[in-house]
Amino acid sequence: MPANATTLLECRACPRLAGFLADCRAARPEYFARPVPPFGDPQAHLLIVGLAPGYHGANRTGRPFTGDYAGVLLYSTLHRFGYANRPQSVTADDGLQLSGCRITNAVKCVPPENKPETGEIKTCNRYLAAELAAAPEARVILALGLVAHNAVLQALTLKRSACKFAHGARHVLPDGRILHDSYHCSRYNTQTKRLTEVGFHAVFDAVRADL
């Protein structure tokens, strides 16, 4: 957990999200229902950036992509490529460990209907910027979706026009880091075959080549 984890857990900078979390805690006291910190190897060379916690996933368990459909393909792929010691992520205390990889989100709090507002994405970006600044060893970044892609650029103070999002795209950034893009491994994208297992593995093949 990064040095600013305590500050993150106490963050209430976005009123709409803070109110949504408060309602969740009242309705479901067993849920984590706080900003979700990054998970994985603190010395990772690969940083994966998603969109935001899912209501019944990371918002419930307290670990990114854990306990919901979006994590199924991600964690099975991480296991296949040697980054995870097991292929499923069910709960925060299930013994899963990551090696060489860390996972975070562009927005740390679950948004209503899984749709963060533009201002919330910008406000939360300071945490991603701090994560990147504190991890120079994370030389490869994998953005899952357009929002994550743009959040990485903002965190590194780069213009959106510097790199255009596209599934399978590879961008060499000014500081030498390499940004890879993939469609988000959401239920919608996988069930509609917009993102297939083969296509997702191809992105990880490209990532591994850069590592």
N, C-alpha and C. Protein backbone atom coordinates (compact mmCIF):
# COMPACT_ATOMS: atom_id res chain seq x y z
N MET A 1 0.85 -1.20 0.00
CA MET A 1 0.00 0.00 0.00
C MET A 1 0.89 1.25 0.00
N PRO A 2 0.61 2.23 -0.86
CA PRO A 2 1.47 3.40 -0.97
C PRO A 2 1.46 4.25 0.28
N ALA A 3 2.43 5.14 0.35
CA ALA A 3 2.59 5.98 1.55
C ALA A 3 1.38 6.86 1.79
N ASN A 4 0.66 7.24 0.74
CA ASN A 4 -0.49 8.13 0.89
C ASN A 4 -1.79 7.37 1.08
N ALA A 5 -1.71 6.07 1.43
CA ALA A 5 -2.91 5.25 1.54
C ALA A 5 -3.87 5.77 2.61
N THR A 6 -3.33 6.23 3.75
CA THR A 6 -4.19 6.75 4.81
C THR A 6 -4.96 7.97 4.33
N THR A 7 -4.28 8.88 3.64
CA THR A 7 -4.94 10.06 3.09
C THR A 7 -6.01 9.64 2.09
N LEU A 8 -5.70 8.65 1.25
CA LEU A 8 -6.67 8.17 0.27
C LEU A 8 -7.92 7.64 0.94
N LEU A 9 -7.75 6.81 1.97
CA LEU A 9 -8.89 6.20 2.64
C LEU A 9 -9.78 7.25 3.30
N GLU A 10 -9.20 8.38 3.65
CA GLU A 10 -9.96 9.43 4.32
C GLU A 10 -10.50 10.48 3.34
N CYS A 11 -10.21 10.31 2.06
CA CYS A 11 -10.58 11.33 1.07
C CYS A 11 -12.09 11.45 0.92
N ARG A 12 -12.56 12.69 0.91
CA ARG A 12 -13.97 13.00 0.68
C ARG A 12 -14.06 14.18 -0.30
N ALA A 13 -13.10 14.25 -1.21
CA ALA A 13 -12.98 15.41 -2.09
C ALA A 13 -14.11 15.53 -3.10
N CYS A 14 -14.76 14.42 -3.43
CA CYS A 14 -15.85 14.46 -4.40
C CYS A 14 -17.17 14.23 -3.68
N PRO A 15 -17.98 15.26 -3.47
CA PRO A 15 -19.20 15.13 -2.66
C PRO A 15 -20.15 14.04 -3.13
N ARG A 16 -20.33 13.92 -4.44
CA ARG A 16 -21.26 12.91 -4.95
C ARG A 16 -20.78 11.50 -4.60
N LEU A 17 -19.48 11.25 -4.78
CA LEU A 17 -18.93 9.93 -4.49
C LEU A 17 -18.90 9.66 -2.99
N ALA A 18 -18.55 10.67 -2.21
CA ALA A 18 -18.52 10.51 -0.75
C ALA A 18 -19.92 10.19 -0.23
N GLY A 19 -20.94 10.86 -0.78
CA GLY A 19 -22.31 10.59 -0.38
C GLY A 19 -22.77 9.20 -0.78
N PHE A 20 -22.35 8.78 -1.95
CA PHE A 20 -22.70 7.44 -2.43
C PHE A 20 -22.08 6.36 -1.55
N LEU A 21 -20.83 6.58 -1.13
CA LEU A 21 -20.17 5.63 -0.23
C LEU A 21 -20.83 5.62 1.14
N ALA A 22 -21.22 6.78 1.63
CA ALA A 22 -21.90 6.85 2.92
C ALA A 22 -23.21 6.07 2.89
N ASP A 23 -23.96 6.21 1.80
CA ASP A 23 -25.20 5.46 1.64
C ASP A 23 -24.93 3.95 1.60
N CYS A 24 -23.83 3.59 0.93
CA CYS A 24 -23.47 2.18 0.84
C CYS A 24 -23.12 1.61 2.21
N ARG A 25 -22.35 2.36 2.98
CA ARG A 25 -21.97 1.89 4.32
C ARG A 25 -23.19 1.70 5.21
N ALA A 26 -24.16 2.58 5.03
CA ALA A 26 -25.39 2.47 5.83
C ALA A 26 -26.22 1.26 5.41
N ALA A 27 -26.29 1.03 4.10
CA ALA A 27 -27.11 -0.06 3.59
C ALA A 27 -26.41 -1.41 3.67
N ARG A 28 -25.08 -1.39 3.53
CA ARG A 28 -24.30 -2.62 3.51
C ARG A 28 -23.05 -2.46 4.39
N PRO A 29 -23.23 -2.53 5.69
CA PRO A 29 -22.10 -2.29 6.61
C PRO A 29 -20.96 -3.30 6.46
N GLU A 30 -21.23 -4.42 5.81
CA GLU A 30 -20.18 -5.42 5.60
C GLU A 30 -19.27 -5.08 4.43
N TYR A 31 -19.64 -4.08 3.62
CA TYR A 31 -18.83 -3.69 2.47
C TYR A 31 -17.66 -2.81 2.90
N PHE A 32 -16.58 -2.84 2.13
CA PHE A 32 -15.43 -1.97 2.35
C PHE A 32 -15.87 -0.51 2.26
N ALA A 33 -16.50 -0.15 1.16
CA ALA A 33 -17.18 1.15 0.98
C ALA A 33 -16.31 2.35 1.35
N ARG A 34 -15.10 2.33 0.85
CA ARG A 34 -14.17 3.45 1.01
C ARG A 34 -13.36 3.56 -0.29
N PRO A 35 -12.56 4.60 -0.45
CA PRO A 35 -11.67 4.63 -1.61
C PRO A 35 -10.77 3.39 -1.60
N VAL A 36 -10.65 2.74 -2.74
CA VAL A 36 -9.91 1.48 -2.83
C VAL A 36 -8.45 1.74 -3.22
N PRO A 37 -7.50 1.36 -2.37
CA PRO A 37 -6.09 1.59 -2.67
C PRO A 37 -5.55 0.61 -3.69
N PRO A 38 -4.38 0.88 -4.25
CA PRO A 38 -3.75 -0.05 -5.19
C PRO A 38 -3.44 -1.39 -4.53
N PHE A 39 -3.24 -2.39 -5.36
CA PHE A 39 -2.92 -3.73 -4.88
C PHE A 39 -1.80 -4.33 -5.72
N GLY A 40 -0.84 -4.97 -5.04
CA GLY A 40 0.19 -5.70 -5.76
C GLY A 40 1.59 -5.42 -5.27
N ASP A 41 2.53 -5.72 -6.12
CA ASP A 41 3.95 -5.61 -5.81
C ASP A 41 4.36 -4.13 -5.75
N PRO A 42 4.86 -3.66 -4.60
CA PRO A 42 5.25 -2.25 -4.50
C PRO A 42 6.44 -1.88 -5.39
N GLN A 43 7.21 -2.88 -5.84
CA GLN A 43 8.33 -2.64 -6.73
C GLN A 43 8.03 -3.10 -8.15
N ALA A 44 6.78 -3.14 -8.51
CA ALA A 44 6.37 -3.67 -9.81
C ALA A 44 6.91 -2.87 -10.97
N HIS A 45 7.23 -3.58 -12.04
CA HIS A 45 7.63 -2.93 -13.29
C HIS A 45 6.42 -2.68 -14.18
N LEU A 46 5.30 -3.33 -13.88
CA LEU A 46 4.07 -3.16 -14.65
C LEU A 46 2.98 -2.60 -13.75
N LEU A 47 2.40 -1.47 -14.16
CA LEU A 47 1.27 -0.88 -13.45
C LEU A 47 0.05 -0.96 -14.35
N ILE A 48 -1.01 -1.60 -13.86
CA ILE A 48 -2.27 -1.71 -14.60
C ILE A 48 -3.26 -0.70 -14.02
N VAL A 49 -3.86 0.10 -14.89
CA VAL A 49 -4.79 1.14 -14.45
C VAL A 49 -6.18 0.85 -15.02
N GLY A 50 -7.14 0.66 -14.11
CA GLY A 50 -8.51 0.44 -14.52
C GLY A 50 -9.32 1.72 -14.39
N LEU A 51 -10.64 1.57 -14.43
CA LEU A 51 -11.53 2.73 -14.38
C LEU A 51 -11.86 3.12 -12.95
N ALA A 52 -12.63 2.28 -12.26
CA ALA A 52 -13.09 2.58 -10.90
C ALA A 52 -13.57 1.28 -10.26
N PRO A 53 -13.68 1.25 -8.94
CA PRO A 53 -14.19 0.04 -8.28
C PRO A 53 -15.63 -0.27 -8.70
N GLY A 54 -15.95 -1.56 -8.78
CA GLY A 54 -17.32 -1.98 -9.01
C GLY A 54 -18.07 -2.02 -7.69
N TYR A 55 -19.36 -1.76 -7.73
CA TYR A 55 -20.14 -1.66 -6.48
C TYR A 55 -20.07 -2.95 -5.67
N HIS A 56 -20.27 -4.08 -6.34
CA HIS A 56 -20.25 -5.37 -5.65
C HIS A 56 -18.90 -6.08 -5.79
N GLY A 57 -17.93 -5.39 -6.36
CA GLY A 57 -16.59 -5.94 -6.52
C GLY A 57 -15.62 -5.31 -5.56
N ALA A 58 -14.75 -4.44 -6.07
CA ALA A 58 -13.73 -3.81 -5.23
C ALA A 58 -14.34 -2.97 -4.12
N ASN A 59 -15.48 -2.35 -4.37
CA ASN A 59 -16.14 -1.57 -3.32
C ASN A 59 -16.59 -2.47 -2.16
N ARG A 60 -16.85 -3.72 -2.47
CA ARG A 60 -17.24 -4.68 -1.43
C ARG A 60 -16.02 -5.29 -0.74
N THR A 61 -15.02 -5.66 -1.53
CA THR A 61 -13.89 -6.43 -1.01
C THR A 61 -12.71 -5.57 -0.57
N GLY A 62 -12.59 -4.35 -1.15
CA GLY A 62 -11.46 -3.49 -0.82
C GLY A 62 -10.21 -3.75 -1.63
N ARG A 63 -10.33 -4.54 -2.70
CA ARG A 63 -9.17 -4.83 -3.56
C ARG A 63 -9.58 -4.68 -5.02
N PRO A 64 -8.77 -3.99 -5.83
CA PRO A 64 -9.14 -3.76 -7.23
C PRO A 64 -9.50 -5.03 -7.98
N PHE A 65 -10.58 -4.96 -8.75
CA PHE A 65 -11.01 -6.05 -9.64
C PHE A 65 -11.27 -7.36 -8.89
N THR A 66 -11.63 -7.28 -7.64
CA THR A 66 -11.81 -8.49 -6.82
C THR A 66 -13.27 -8.69 -6.43
N GLY A 67 -13.80 -9.86 -6.77
CA GLY A 67 -15.15 -10.20 -6.36
C GLY A 67 -16.22 -9.85 -7.36
N ASP A 68 -15.85 -9.45 -8.59
CA ASP A 68 -16.86 -9.20 -9.60
C ASP A 68 -16.37 -9.71 -10.96
N TYR A 69 -17.23 -9.60 -11.95
CA TYR A 69 -16.96 -10.19 -13.26
C TYR A 69 -15.74 -9.59 -13.94
N ALA A 70 -15.50 -8.30 -13.74
CA ALA A 70 -14.40 -7.63 -14.44
C ALA A 70 -13.04 -8.23 -14.10
N GLY A 71 -12.93 -8.82 -12.92
CA GLY A 71 -11.65 -9.39 -12.52
C GLY A 71 -11.39 -10.79 -13.04
N VAL A 72 -12.41 -11.45 -13.60
CA VAL A 72 -12.26 -12.85 -14.03
C VAL A 72 -11.16 -12.98 -15.08
N LEU A 73 -11.31 -12.23 -16.17
CA LEU A 73 -10.32 -12.32 -17.25
C LEU A 73 -8.99 -11.72 -16.82
N LEU A 74 -9.02 -10.63 -16.06
CA LEU A 74 -7.77 -9.98 -15.66
C LEU A 74 -6.90 -10.91 -14.82
N TYR A 75 -7.46 -11.48 -13.77
CA TYR A 75 -6.62 -12.27 -12.87
C TYR A 75 -6.23 -13.62 -13.47
N SER A 76 -7.10 -14.20 -14.30
CA SER A 76 -6.69 -15.44 -14.98
C SER A 76 -5.53 -15.16 -15.94
N THR A 77 -5.56 -13.99 -16.57
CA THR A 77 -4.46 -13.61 -17.47
C THR A 77 -3.19 -13.32 -16.70
N LEU A 78 -3.31 -12.62 -15.57
CA LEU A 78 -2.13 -12.36 -14.74
C LEU A 78 -1.50 -13.66 -14.27
N HIS A 79 -2.31 -14.63 -13.93
CA HIS A 79 -1.78 -15.93 -13.52
C HIS A 79 -1.10 -16.63 -14.70
N ARG A 80 -1.71 -16.59 -15.85
CA ARG A 80 -1.17 -17.22 -17.05
C ARG A 80 0.21 -16.65 -17.40
N PHE A 81 0.38 -15.34 -17.19
CA PHE A 81 1.64 -14.69 -17.56
C PHE A 81 2.61 -14.59 -16.38
N GLY A 82 2.30 -15.22 -15.28
CA GLY A 82 3.25 -15.32 -14.18
C GLY A 82 3.25 -14.17 -13.19
N TYR A 83 2.24 -13.31 -13.25
CA TYR A 83 2.18 -12.17 -12.33
C TYR A 83 1.41 -12.49 -11.05
N ALA A 84 0.58 -13.52 -11.08
CA ALA A 84 -0.26 -13.86 -9.93
C ALA A 84 -0.04 -15.32 -9.54
N ASN A 85 -0.14 -15.60 -8.25
CA ASN A 85 0.07 -16.97 -7.77
C ASN A 85 -1.17 -17.84 -7.85
N ARG A 86 -2.30 -17.24 -8.26
CA ARG A 86 -3.53 -18.00 -8.44
C ARG A 86 -4.40 -17.29 -9.47
N PRO A 87 -5.29 -18.01 -10.14
CA PRO A 87 -6.03 -17.43 -11.27
C PRO A 87 -7.31 -16.71 -10.91
N GLN A 88 -7.70 -16.71 -9.65
CA GLN A 88 -8.94 -16.06 -9.26
C GLN A 88 -8.71 -15.13 -8.08
N SER A 89 -9.45 -14.02 -8.08
CA SER A 89 -9.39 -13.06 -6.98
C SER A 89 -10.80 -12.92 -6.43
N VAL A 90 -11.01 -13.49 -5.24
CA VAL A 90 -12.36 -13.59 -4.69
C VAL A 90 -12.58 -12.64 -3.53
N THR A 91 -11.66 -12.64 -2.58
CA THR A 91 -11.75 -11.76 -1.41
C THR A 91 -10.36 -11.19 -1.14
N ALA A 92 -10.31 -10.16 -0.31
CA ALA A 92 -9.03 -9.51 -0.03
C ALA A 92 -8.10 -10.39 0.81
N ASP A 93 -8.63 -11.44 1.42
CA ASP A 93 -7.80 -12.31 2.25
C ASP A 93 -7.72 -13.73 1.69
N ASP A 94 -7.81 -13.86 0.36
CA ASP A 94 -7.83 -15.19 -0.25
C ASP A 94 -6.44 -15.75 -0.57
N GLY A 95 -5.39 -15.03 -0.18
CA GLY A 95 -4.04 -15.51 -0.40
C GLY A 95 -3.44 -15.14 -1.75
N LEU A 96 -4.17 -14.43 -2.56
CA LEU A 96 -3.64 -14.01 -3.86
C LEU A 96 -2.50 -13.01 -3.67
N GLN A 97 -1.43 -13.23 -4.42
CA GLN A 97 -0.30 -12.30 -4.40
C GLN A 97 0.12 -12.00 -5.83
N LEU A 98 0.56 -10.78 -6.05
CA LEU A 98 1.07 -10.38 -7.35
C LEU A 98 2.58 -10.17 -7.27
N SER A 99 3.27 -10.52 -8.33
CA SER A 99 4.71 -10.33 -8.41
C SER A 99 5.05 -9.61 -9.71
N GLY A 100 5.72 -8.47 -9.59
CA GLY A 100 6.09 -7.71 -10.77
C GLY A 100 4.98 -6.86 -11.34
N CYS A 101 3.83 -6.84 -10.66
CA CYS A 101 2.66 -6.14 -11.19
C CYS A 101 1.90 -5.49 -10.05
N ARG A 102 1.30 -4.34 -10.32
CA ARG A 102 0.45 -3.66 -9.36
C ARG A 102 -0.78 -3.14 -10.11
N ILE A 103 -1.92 -3.12 -9.43
CA ILE A 103 -3.18 -2.71 -10.05
C ILE A 103 -3.76 -1.53 -9.29
N THR A 104 -4.24 -0.54 -10.03
CA THR A 104 -4.88 0.62 -9.43
C THR A 104 -6.03 1.06 -10.33
N ASN A 105 -6.70 2.12 -9.95
CA ASN A 105 -7.81 2.65 -10.75
C ASN A 105 -7.66 4.16 -10.95
N ALA A 106 -8.21 4.64 -12.04
CA ALA A 106 -8.20 6.08 -12.31
C ALA A 106 -9.02 6.83 -11.27
N VAL A 107 -10.13 6.22 -10.85
CA VAL A 107 -11.00 6.77 -9.81
C VAL A 107 -11.06 5.75 -8.68
N LYS A 108 -10.78 6.17 -7.46
CA LYS A 108 -10.63 5.23 -6.35
C LYS A 108 -11.95 4.87 -5.68
N CYS A 109 -13.00 5.67 -5.88
CA CYS A 109 -14.29 5.41 -5.25
C CYS A 109 -15.29 4.89 -6.28
N VAL A 110 -16.17 4.01 -5.84
CA VAL A 110 -17.20 3.52 -6.75
C VAL A 110 -18.14 4.66 -7.12
N PRO A 111 -18.39 4.85 -8.41
CA PRO A 111 -19.34 5.90 -8.83
C PRO A 111 -20.72 5.30 -9.09
N PRO A 112 -21.77 6.09 -8.92
CA PRO A 112 -23.10 5.61 -9.27
C PRO A 112 -23.15 5.16 -10.73
N GLU A 113 -23.76 4.00 -10.96
CA GLU A 113 -23.91 3.43 -12.30
C GLU A 113 -22.56 3.22 -13.00
N ASN A 114 -21.51 3.11 -12.21
CA ASN A 114 -20.16 2.88 -12.76
C ASN A 114 -19.70 3.99 -13.71
N LYS A 115 -20.21 5.20 -13.50
CA LYS A 115 -19.89 6.30 -14.41
C LYS A 115 -19.39 7.51 -13.61
N PRO A 116 -18.07 7.64 -13.45
CA PRO A 116 -17.55 8.84 -12.78
C PRO A 116 -17.71 10.06 -13.67
N GLU A 117 -17.93 11.20 -13.04
CA GLU A 117 -18.03 12.44 -13.79
C GLU A 117 -16.65 12.99 -14.10
N THR A 118 -16.58 13.85 -15.09
CA THR A 118 -15.29 14.40 -15.53
C THR A 118 -14.54 15.07 -14.39
N GLY A 119 -15.24 15.86 -13.59
CA GLY A 119 -14.60 16.54 -12.47
C GLY A 119 -14.07 15.58 -11.44
N GLU A 120 -14.75 14.46 -11.24
CA GLU A 120 -14.30 13.46 -10.28
C GLU A 120 -13.04 12.76 -10.77
N ILE A 121 -12.99 12.50 -12.05
CA ILE A 121 -11.78 11.88 -12.63
C ILE A 121 -10.59 12.82 -12.46
N LYS A 122 -10.81 14.10 -12.70
CA LYS A 122 -9.72 15.08 -12.56
C LYS A 122 -9.30 15.23 -11.11
N THR A 123 -10.26 15.29 -10.20
CA THR A 123 -9.95 15.46 -8.78
C THR A 123 -9.15 14.28 -8.25
N CYS A 124 -9.52 13.08 -8.66
CA CYS A 124 -8.86 11.87 -8.15
C CYS A 124 -7.50 11.64 -8.79
N ASN A 125 -7.21 12.34 -9.86
CA ASN A 125 -5.98 12.10 -10.60
C ASN A 125 -4.72 12.34 -9.78
N ARG A 126 -4.82 13.14 -8.72
CA ARG A 126 -3.65 13.42 -7.89
C ARG A 126 -3.09 12.14 -7.27
N TYR A 127 -3.97 11.18 -7.00
CA TYR A 127 -3.51 9.93 -6.40
C TYR A 127 -2.74 9.08 -7.42
N LEU A 128 -3.24 9.02 -8.64
CA LEU A 128 -2.52 8.29 -9.68
C LEU A 128 -1.19 8.98 -9.98
N ALA A 129 -1.19 10.30 -10.01
CA ALA A 129 0.06 11.04 -10.24
C ALA A 129 1.08 10.73 -9.15
N ALA A 130 0.61 10.67 -7.91
CA ALA A 130 1.51 10.35 -6.80
C ALA A 130 2.03 8.93 -6.90
N GLU A 131 1.17 8.01 -7.31
CA GLU A 131 1.60 6.61 -7.48
C GLU A 131 2.69 6.50 -8.53
N LEU A 132 2.52 7.19 -9.64
CA LEU A 132 3.50 7.13 -10.72
C LEU A 132 4.81 7.81 -10.31
N ALA A 133 4.69 8.93 -9.62
CA ALA A 133 5.89 9.65 -9.17
C ALA A 133 6.69 8.83 -8.17
N ALA A 134 6.00 8.04 -7.37
CA ALA A 134 6.67 7.24 -6.33
C ALA A 134 7.15 5.90 -6.86
N ALA A 135 6.89 5.60 -8.12
CA ALA A 135 7.26 4.29 -8.67
C ALA A 135 7.97 4.43 -10.00
N PRO A 136 9.19 4.99 -10.01
CA PRO A 136 9.92 5.11 -11.27
C PRO A 136 10.25 3.77 -11.90
N GLU A 137 10.21 2.70 -11.07
CA GLU A 137 10.51 1.37 -11.59
C GLU A 137 9.35 0.81 -12.43
N ALA A 138 8.17 1.42 -12.34
CA ALA A 138 7.04 1.00 -13.15
C ALA A 138 7.19 1.57 -14.56
N ARG A 139 7.96 0.87 -15.35
CA ARG A 139 8.32 1.39 -16.67
C ARG A 139 7.28 1.10 -17.74
N VAL A 140 6.38 0.16 -17.46
CA VAL A 140 5.31 -0.17 -18.41
C VAL A 140 3.97 0.02 -17.72
N ILE A 141 3.06 0.72 -18.39
CA ILE A 141 1.73 0.99 -17.86
C ILE A 141 0.71 0.41 -18.83
N LEU A 142 -0.26 -0.32 -18.30
CA LEU A 142 -1.34 -0.85 -19.12
C LEU A 142 -2.63 -0.16 -18.72
N ALA A 143 -3.21 0.58 -19.64
CA ALA A 143 -4.46 1.29 -19.40
C ALA A 143 -5.62 0.47 -19.92
N LEU A 144 -6.57 0.17 -19.04
CA LEU A 144 -7.75 -0.60 -19.41
C LEU A 144 -8.89 0.36 -19.71
N GLY A 145 -9.00 0.76 -20.97
CA GLY A 145 -10.06 1.66 -21.39
C GLY A 145 -9.61 3.10 -21.56
N LEU A 146 -10.46 3.87 -22.21
CA LEU A 146 -10.14 5.26 -22.55
C LEU A 146 -9.97 6.14 -21.32
N VAL A 147 -10.83 5.98 -20.32
CA VAL A 147 -10.73 6.82 -19.13
C VAL A 147 -9.39 6.60 -18.44
N ALA A 148 -8.99 5.35 -18.31
CA ALA A 148 -7.69 5.05 -17.69
C ALA A 148 -6.55 5.61 -18.52
N HIS A 149 -6.65 5.47 -19.82
CA HIS A 149 -5.63 6.00 -20.74
C HIS A 149 -5.47 7.51 -20.53
N ASN A 150 -6.58 8.24 -20.54
CA ASN A 150 -6.51 9.69 -20.37
C ASN A 150 -6.03 10.07 -18.97
N ALA A 151 -6.39 9.27 -17.98
CA ALA A 151 -5.96 9.55 -16.61
C ALA A 151 -4.44 9.42 -16.48
N VAL A 152 -3.87 8.44 -17.15
CA VAL A 152 -2.41 8.28 -17.12
C VAL A 152 -1.75 9.49 -17.76
N LEU A 153 -2.26 9.93 -18.89
CA LEU A 153 -1.68 11.10 -19.55
C LEU A 153 -1.77 12.33 -18.65
N GLN A 154 -2.92 12.52 -18.01
CA GLN A 154 -3.07 13.66 -17.11
C GLN A 154 -2.11 13.56 -15.94
N ALA A 155 -1.96 12.37 -15.38
CA ALA A 155 -1.07 12.18 -14.24
C ALA A 155 0.38 12.49 -14.59
N LEU A 156 0.74 12.29 -15.85
CA LEU A 156 2.10 12.56 -16.31
C LEU A 156 2.20 13.92 -17.00
N THR A 157 1.15 14.74 -16.85
CA THR A 157 1.06 16.09 -17.43
C THR A 157 1.30 16.09 -18.94
N LEU A 158 0.71 15.13 -19.61
CA LEU A 158 0.79 15.05 -21.07
C LEU A 158 -0.57 15.38 -21.68
N LYS A 159 -0.56 15.96 -22.85
CA LYS A 159 -1.80 16.28 -23.54
C LYS A 159 -2.41 15.01 -24.13
N ARG A 160 -3.74 14.99 -24.20
CA ARG A 160 -4.41 13.83 -24.77
C ARG A 160 -4.00 13.60 -26.22
N SER A 161 -3.71 14.69 -26.90
CA SER A 161 -3.32 14.57 -28.30
C SER A 161 -1.97 13.88 -28.48
N ALA A 162 -1.23 13.74 -27.38
CA ALA A 162 0.09 13.11 -27.47
C ALA A 162 -0.01 11.63 -27.80
N CYS A 163 -1.09 10.98 -27.34
CA CYS A 163 -1.26 9.54 -27.55
C CYS A 163 -2.74 9.25 -27.72
N LYS A 164 -3.12 8.63 -28.79
CA LYS A 164 -4.51 8.29 -29.05
C LYS A 164 -4.81 6.87 -28.59
N PHE A 165 -5.89 6.73 -27.82
CA PHE A 165 -6.25 5.40 -27.33
C PHE A 165 -6.72 4.50 -28.47
N ALA A 166 -6.26 3.26 -28.42
CA ALA A 166 -6.74 2.22 -29.33
C ALA A 166 -6.36 0.88 -28.72
N HIS A 167 -7.24 -0.08 -28.82
CA HIS A 167 -6.92 -1.40 -28.28
C HIS A 167 -5.67 -1.95 -28.96
N GLY A 168 -4.70 -2.35 -28.15
CA GLY A 168 -3.45 -2.89 -28.67
C GLY A 168 -2.41 -1.84 -29.01
N ALA A 169 -2.75 -0.57 -28.78
CA ALA A 169 -1.79 0.49 -29.10
C ALA A 169 -0.63 0.50 -28.10
N ARG A 170 0.51 0.95 -28.55
CA ARG A 170 1.72 1.06 -27.72
C ARG A 170 2.30 2.46 -27.92
N HIS A 171 2.53 3.16 -26.81
CA HIS A 171 3.02 4.53 -26.87
C HIS A 171 4.29 4.66 -26.02
N VAL A 172 5.33 5.17 -26.60
CA VAL A 172 6.55 5.49 -25.85
C VAL A 172 6.42 6.92 -25.35
N LEU A 173 6.40 7.09 -24.04
CA LEU A 173 6.17 8.40 -23.44
C LEU A 173 7.48 9.18 -23.29
N PRO A 174 7.40 10.50 -23.13
CA PRO A 174 8.62 11.32 -23.06
C PRO A 174 9.61 10.91 -21.97
N ASP A 175 9.10 10.35 -20.87
CA ASP A 175 10.01 9.96 -19.78
C ASP A 175 10.58 8.56 -19.96
N GLY A 176 10.26 7.93 -21.09
CA GLY A 176 10.78 6.60 -21.39
C GLY A 176 9.84 5.47 -21.00
N ARG A 177 8.81 5.78 -20.24
CA ARG A 177 7.83 4.74 -19.92
C ARG A 177 7.07 4.34 -21.18
N ILE A 178 6.51 3.16 -21.15
CA ILE A 178 5.72 2.67 -22.28
C ILE A 178 4.29 2.45 -21.83
N LEU A 179 3.36 3.05 -22.55
CA LEU A 179 1.94 2.92 -22.25
C LEU A 179 1.29 2.01 -23.27
N HIS A 180 0.69 0.93 -22.77
CA HIS A 180 -0.08 0.02 -23.62
C HIS A 180 -1.56 0.23 -23.34
N ASP A 181 -2.38 0.07 -24.38
CA ASP A 181 -3.83 0.23 -24.24
C ASP A 181 -4.56 -1.08 -24.49
N SER A 182 -5.63 -1.28 -23.74
CA SER A 182 -6.53 -2.40 -23.99
C SER A 182 -7.95 -1.96 -23.69
N TYR A 183 -8.90 -2.58 -24.35
CA TYR A 183 -10.28 -2.40 -23.92
C TYR A 183 -10.40 -2.90 -22.48
N HIS A 184 -11.30 -2.30 -21.74
CA HIS A 184 -11.52 -2.72 -20.36
C HIS A 184 -12.13 -4.13 -20.34
N CYS A 185 -11.71 -4.91 -19.36
CA CYS A 185 -12.19 -6.30 -19.25
C CYS A 185 -13.52 -6.36 -18.51
N SER A 186 -14.45 -5.52 -18.89
CA SER A 186 -15.77 -5.47 -18.27
C SER A 186 -16.65 -6.59 -18.80
N ARG A 187 -17.74 -6.85 -18.08
CA ARG A 187 -18.69 -7.87 -18.54
C ARG A 187 -19.22 -7.53 -19.93
N TYR A 188 -19.55 -6.25 -20.14
CA TYR A 188 -20.09 -5.85 -21.45
C TYR A 188 -19.10 -6.14 -22.57
N ASN A 189 -17.85 -5.75 -22.38
CA ASN A 189 -16.86 -5.91 -23.45
C ASN A 189 -16.55 -7.38 -23.73
N THR A 190 -16.52 -8.20 -22.69
CA THR A 190 -16.20 -9.62 -22.92
C THR A 190 -17.40 -10.39 -23.46
N GLN A 191 -18.60 -10.07 -22.98
CA GLN A 191 -19.76 -10.81 -23.46
C GLN A 191 -20.14 -10.43 -24.88
N THR A 192 -19.85 -9.21 -25.29
CA THR A 192 -20.12 -8.79 -26.67
C THR A 192 -18.97 -9.14 -27.60
N LYS A 193 -17.90 -9.74 -27.03
CA LYS A 193 -16.71 -10.14 -27.79
C LYS A 193 -15.91 -8.95 -28.32
N ARG A 194 -16.22 -7.76 -27.82
CA ARG A 194 -15.36 -6.63 -28.16
C ARG A 194 -13.95 -6.90 -27.65
N LEU A 195 -13.87 -7.53 -26.48
CA LEU A 195 -12.59 -7.97 -25.94
C LEU A 195 -12.67 -9.47 -25.74
N THR A 196 -11.82 -10.19 -26.43
CA THR A 196 -11.75 -11.64 -26.29
C THR A 196 -10.53 -12.03 -25.46
N GLU A 197 -10.55 -13.25 -24.98
CA GLU A 197 -9.39 -13.74 -24.23
C GLU A 197 -8.14 -13.70 -25.09
N VAL A 198 -8.26 -14.11 -26.34
CA VAL A 198 -7.12 -14.09 -27.25
C VAL A 198 -6.59 -12.67 -27.44
N GLY A 199 -7.51 -11.73 -27.62
CA GLY A 199 -7.11 -10.35 -27.82
C GLY A 199 -6.45 -9.75 -26.58
N PHE A 200 -6.96 -10.12 -25.40
CA PHE A 200 -6.37 -9.63 -24.15
C PHE A 200 -4.99 -10.23 -23.94
N HIS A 201 -4.85 -11.52 -24.24
CA HIS A 201 -3.54 -12.16 -24.10
C HIS A 201 -2.53 -11.55 -25.07
N ALA A 202 -2.99 -11.13 -26.24
CA ALA A 202 -2.08 -10.50 -27.20
C ALA A 202 -1.52 -9.20 -26.65
N VAL A 203 -2.34 -8.45 -25.90
CA VAL A 203 -1.85 -7.22 -25.26
C VAL A 203 -0.78 -7.57 -24.25
N PHE A 204 -1.00 -8.62 -23.47
CA PHE A 204 -0.01 -9.01 -22.48
C PHE A 204 1.25 -9.58 -23.10
N ASP A 205 1.13 -10.18 -24.27
CA ASP A 205 2.34 -10.60 -25.00
C ASP A 205 3.18 -9.37 -25.33
N ALA A 206 2.52 -8.30 -25.78
CA ALA A 206 3.24 -7.06 -26.12
C ALA A 206 3.84 -6.43 -24.87
N VAL A 207 3.09 -6.45 -23.77
CA VAL A 207 3.62 -5.92 -22.50
C VAL A 207 4.85 -6.70 -22.07
N ARG A 208 4.75 -8.02 -22.14
CA ARG A 208 5.89 -8.85 -21.72
C ARG A 208 7.11 -8.61 -22.57
N ALA A 209 6.92 -8.33 -23.85
CA ALA A 209 8.04 -8.04 -24.72
C ALA A 209 8.79 -6.78 -24.28
N ASP A 210 8.05 -5.82 -23.70
CA ASP A 210 8.68 -4.59 -23.23
C ASP A 210 9.31 -4.72 -21.85
N LEU A 211 8.98 -5.81 -21.16
CA LEU A 211 9.55 -6.03 -19.83
C LEU A 211 10.73 -6.99 -19.87
